[in-house]
C-alpha atoms as a PDB file:
ATOM      1  CA  UNK A   1    -127.908 157.597 314.971  1.00  0.00           C
ATOM      2  CA  UNK A   2    -124.240 158.600 315.042  1.00  0.00           C
ATOM      3  CA  UNK A   3    -123.655 161.411 317.521  1.00  0.00           C
ATOM      4  CA  UNK A   4    -124.174 162.228 321.170  1.00  0.00           C
ATOM      5  CA  UNK A   5    -127.550 161.604 322.865  1.00  0.00           C
ATOM      6  CA  UNK A   6    -128.849 162.556 326.324  1.00  0.00           C
ATOM      7  CA  UNK A   7    -131.001 159.659 327.506  1.00  0.00           C
ATOM      8  CA  UNK A   8    -133.556 160.069 330.311  1.00  0.00           C
ATOM      9  CA  UNK A   9    -134.926 156.837 331.805  1.00  0.00           C
ATOM     10  CA  UNK A  10    -138.023 156.452 333.987  1.00  0.00           C
ATOM     11  CA  UNK A  11    -138.496 152.999 335.498  1.00  0.00           C
ATOM     12  CA  UNK A  12    -141.964 151.752 336.437  1.00  0.00           C
ATOM     13  CA  UNK A  13    -141.011 152.022 340.142  1.00  0.00           C
ATOM     14  CA  UNK A  14    -140.635 155.800 339.676  1.00  0.00           C
ATOM     15  CA  UNK A  15    -136.834 155.761 339.710  1.00  0.00           C
ATOM     16  CA  UNK A  16    -135.197 158.086 337.162  1.00  0.00           C
ATOM     17  CA  UNK A  17    -131.724 157.851 335.637  1.00  0.00           C
ATOM     18  CA  UNK A  18    -129.836 159.770 332.960  1.00  0.00           C
ATOM     19  CA  UNK A  19    -126.894 158.921 330.770  1.00  0.00           C
ATOM     20  CA  UNK A  20    -125.122 160.071 327.654  1.00  0.00           C
ATOM     21  CA  UNK A  21    -124.925 157.695 324.708  1.00  0.00           C
ATOM     22  CA  UNK A  22    -122.205 158.469 322.182  1.00  0.00           C
ATOM     23  CA  UNK A  23    -123.071 156.498 319.054  1.00  0.00           C
ATOM     24  CA  UNK A  24    -120.186 155.825 316.689  1.00  0.00           C
ATOM     25  CA  UNK A  25    -119.895 154.086 313.345  1.00  0.00           C
ATOM     26  CA  UNK A  26    -120.120 150.322 312.849  1.00  0.00           C
ATOM     27  CA  UNK A  27    -122.730 149.954 315.614  1.00  0.00           C
ATOM     28  CA  UNK A  28    -120.336 150.928 318.410  1.00  0.00           C
ATOM     29  CA  UNK A  29    -120.640 153.519 321.147  1.00  0.00           C
ATOM     30  CA  UNK A  30    -120.274 154.350 324.826  1.00  0.00           C
ATOM     31  CA  UNK A  31    -122.552 155.018 327.799  1.00  0.00           C
ATOM     32  CA  UNK A  32    -121.628 157.644 330.392  1.00  0.00           C
ATOM     33  CA  UNK A  33    -123.851 157.899 333.488  1.00  0.00           C
ATOM     34  CA  UNK A  34    -125.021 161.382 334.433  1.00  0.00           C
ATOM     35  CA  UNK A  35    -125.562 161.127 338.203  1.00  0.00           C
ATOM     36  CA  UNK A  36    -124.716 163.947 340.622  1.00  0.00           C
ATOM     37  CA  UNK A  37    -123.951 161.339 343.307  1.00  0.00           C
ATOM     38  CA  UNK A  38    -120.959 160.216 341.255  1.00  0.00           C
ATOM     39  CA  UNK A  39    -119.201 163.444 342.260  1.00  0.00           C
ATOM     40  CA  UNK A  40    -118.460 161.711 345.584  1.00  0.00           C
ATOM     41  CA  UNK A  41    -116.536 158.939 343.807  1.00  0.00           C
ATOM     42  CA  UNK A  42    -115.047 160.983 340.998  1.00  0.00           C
ATOM     43  CA  UNK A  43    -116.229 161.179 337.417  1.00  0.00           C
ATOM     44  CA  UNK A  44    -118.094 158.320 335.804  1.00  0.00           C
ATOM     45  CA  UNK A  45    -116.148 156.135 333.416  1.00  0.00           C
ATOM     46  CA  UNK A  46    -117.611 155.391 329.994  1.00  0.00           C
ATOM     47  CA  UNK A  47    -118.670 151.810 329.299  1.00  0.00           C
ATOM     48  CA  UNK A  48    -118.829 150.116 325.926  1.00  0.00           C
ATOM     49  CA  UNK A  49    -122.209 150.068 324.205  1.00  0.00           C
ATOM     50  CA  UNK A  50    -123.546 148.876 320.869  1.00  0.00           C
ATOM     51  CA  UNK A  51    -126.454 149.833 318.641  1.00  0.00           C
ATOM     52  CA  UNK A  52    -128.328 148.437 315.656  1.00  0.00           C
ATOM     53  CA  UNK A  53    -130.932 149.907 313.359  1.00  0.00           C
ATOM     54  CA  UNK A  54    -134.053 147.911 312.694  1.00  0.00           C
ATOM     55  CA  UNK A  55    -137.003 148.055 310.346  1.00  0.00           C
ATOM     56  CA  UNK A  56    -138.408 151.473 309.642  1.00  0.00           C
ATOM     57  CA  UNK A  57    -137.420 153.946 312.333  1.00  0.00           C
ATOM     58  CA  UNK A  58    -136.592 151.385 315.023  1.00  0.00           C
ATOM     59  CA  UNK A  59    -133.268 151.261 316.837  1.00  0.00           C
ATOM     60  CA  UNK A  60    -131.829 149.167 319.677  1.00  0.00           C
ATOM     61  CA  UNK A  61    -128.864 150.098 321.847  1.00  0.00           C
ATOM     62  CA  UNK A  62    -127.426 148.339 324.875  1.00  0.00           C
ATOM     63  CA  UNK A  63    -124.483 148.060 327.224  1.00  0.00           C
ATOM     64  CA  UNK A  64    -123.301 147.538 330.802  1.00  0.00           C
ATOM     65  CA  UNK A  65    -123.820 150.199 333.500  1.00  0.00           C
ATOM     66  CA  UNK A  66    -123.287 150.621 337.245  1.00  0.00           C
ATOM     67  CA  UNK A  67    -125.978 152.740 338.894  1.00  0.00           C
ATOM     68  CA  UNK A  68    -125.263 154.278 342.287  1.00  0.00           C
ATOM     69  CA  UNK A  69    -127.348 152.938 345.194  1.00  0.00           C
ATOM     70  CA  UNK A  70    -127.410 155.407 348.064  1.00  0.00           C
ATOM     71  CA  UNK A  71    -123.951 156.728 348.900  1.00  0.00           C
ATOM     72  CA  UNK A  72    -121.880 153.561 348.735  1.00  0.00           C
ATOM     73  CA  UNK A  73    -123.658 150.831 346.792  1.00  0.00           C
ATOM     74  CA  UNK A  74    -123.545 150.054 343.115  1.00  0.00           C
ATOM     75  CA  UNK A  75    -126.128 148.249 341.012  1.00  0.00           C
ATOM     76  CA  UNK A  76    -124.329 146.671 338.053  1.00  0.00           C
ATOM     77  CA  UNK A  77    -126.244 145.327 335.110  1.00  0.00           C
ATOM     78  CA  UNK A  78    -127.114 145.655 331.450  1.00  0.00           C
ATOM     79  CA  UNK A  79    -129.395 148.255 329.891  1.00  0.00           C
ATOM     80  CA  UNK A  80    -131.266 147.424 326.682  1.00  0.00           C
ATOM     81  CA  UNK A  81    -133.113 150.241 324.913  1.00  0.00           C
ATOM     82  CA  UNK A  82    -135.668 149.495 322.182  1.00  0.00           C
ATOM     83  CA  UNK A  83    -137.051 152.596 320.547  1.00  0.00           C
ATOM     84  CA  UNK A  84    -138.094 154.476 317.445  1.00  0.00           C
ATOM     85  CA  UNK A  85    -136.984 157.737 315.924  1.00  0.00           C
ATOM     86  CA  UNK A  86    -139.855 160.192 316.446  1.00  0.00           C
ATOM     87  CA  UNK A  87    -137.769 162.826 314.625  1.00  0.00           C
ATOM     88  CA  UNK A  88    -134.114 162.927 313.524  1.00  0.00           C
ATOM     89  CA  UNK A  89    -133.228 164.267 316.993  1.00  0.00           C
ATOM     90  CA  UNK A  90    -135.635 162.307 319.250  1.00  0.00           C
ATOM     91  CA  UNK A  91    -135.887 158.598 320.078  1.00  0.00           C
ATOM     92  CA  UNK A  92    -138.519 157.203 322.465  1.00  0.00           C
ATOM     93  CA  UNK A  93    -139.241 153.672 323.601  1.00  0.00           C
ATOM     94  CA  UNK A  94    -138.857 151.032 326.288  1.00  0.00           C
ATOM     95  CA  UNK A  95    -135.857 150.106 328.415  1.00  0.00           C
ATOM     96  CA  UNK A  96    -134.944 147.059 330.491  1.00  0.00           C
ATOM     97  CA  UNK A  97    -132.251 146.872 333.191  1.00  0.00           C
ATOM     98  CA  UNK A  98    -131.048 143.347 333.987  1.00  0.00           C
ATOM     99  CA  UNK A  99    -128.995 143.150 337.221  1.00  0.00           C
ATOM    100  CA  UNK A 100    -125.766 141.139 337.079  1.00  0.00           C
ATOM    101  CA  UNK A 101    -125.786 140.124 340.748  1.00  0.00           C
ATOM    102  CA  UNK A 102    -128.455 138.268 342.688  1.00  0.00           C
ATOM    103  CA  UNK A 103    -131.809 136.873 341.750  1.00  0.00           C
ATOM    104  CA  UNK A 104    -133.601 140.180 341.416  1.00  0.00           C
ATOM    105  CA  UNK A 105    -135.968 140.628 338.495  1.00  0.00           C
ATOM    106  CA  UNK A 106    -135.239 143.003 335.656  1.00  0.00           C
ATOM    107  CA  UNK A 107    -136.501 146.576 335.886  1.00  0.00           C
ATOM    108  CA  UNK A 108    -138.579 147.965 333.045  1.00  0.00           C
ATOM    109  CA  UNK A 109    -139.394 151.503 332.051  1.00  0.00           C
ATOM    110  CA  UNK A 110    -139.483 154.071 329.289  1.00  0.00           C
ATOM    111  CA  UNK A 111    -136.859 156.378 327.847  1.00  0.00           C
ATOM    112  CA  UNK A 112    -136.465 159.525 325.815  1.00  0.00           C
ATOM    113  CA  UNK A 113    -133.209 160.251 323.966  1.00  0.00           C
ATOM    114  CA  UNK A 114    -132.537 163.741 322.617  1.00  0.00           C
ATOM    115  CA  UNK A 115    -129.629 164.459 320.302  1.00  0.00           C
ATOM    116  CA  UNK A 116    -127.114 166.652 322.114  1.00  0.00           C
ATOM    117  CA  UNK A 117    -126.055 169.938 320.549  1.00  0.00           C
ATOM    118  CA  UNK A 118    -123.275 169.656 318.023  1.00  0.00           C
ATOM    119  CA  UNK A 119    -124.031 165.966 317.450  1.00  0.00           C
END
């Protein structure tokens, strides 16, 4: 698991997001959003993430994120990824985004994580 991963998310509403997950030892790591709209506000800042290995090839990783909404809004919440290693360099599974603000329901979707070169 340790290394850098490019994670592509597709929510059931058709919305797509991408981020980089840098997995470190002791179950720690960081998320860094990959969103061209962030160029308006300056570079994204990494947020703390954590990961755990499960039975067999399963793995869970999670952490806080702030997605851009339009040009000025932000959608803060927590992402939880539950997946399995398909190969040593590919993880696929399900993702849930739980908003921090308001009474909105969680968003669900699928993800694919590919190990970045040099990781």
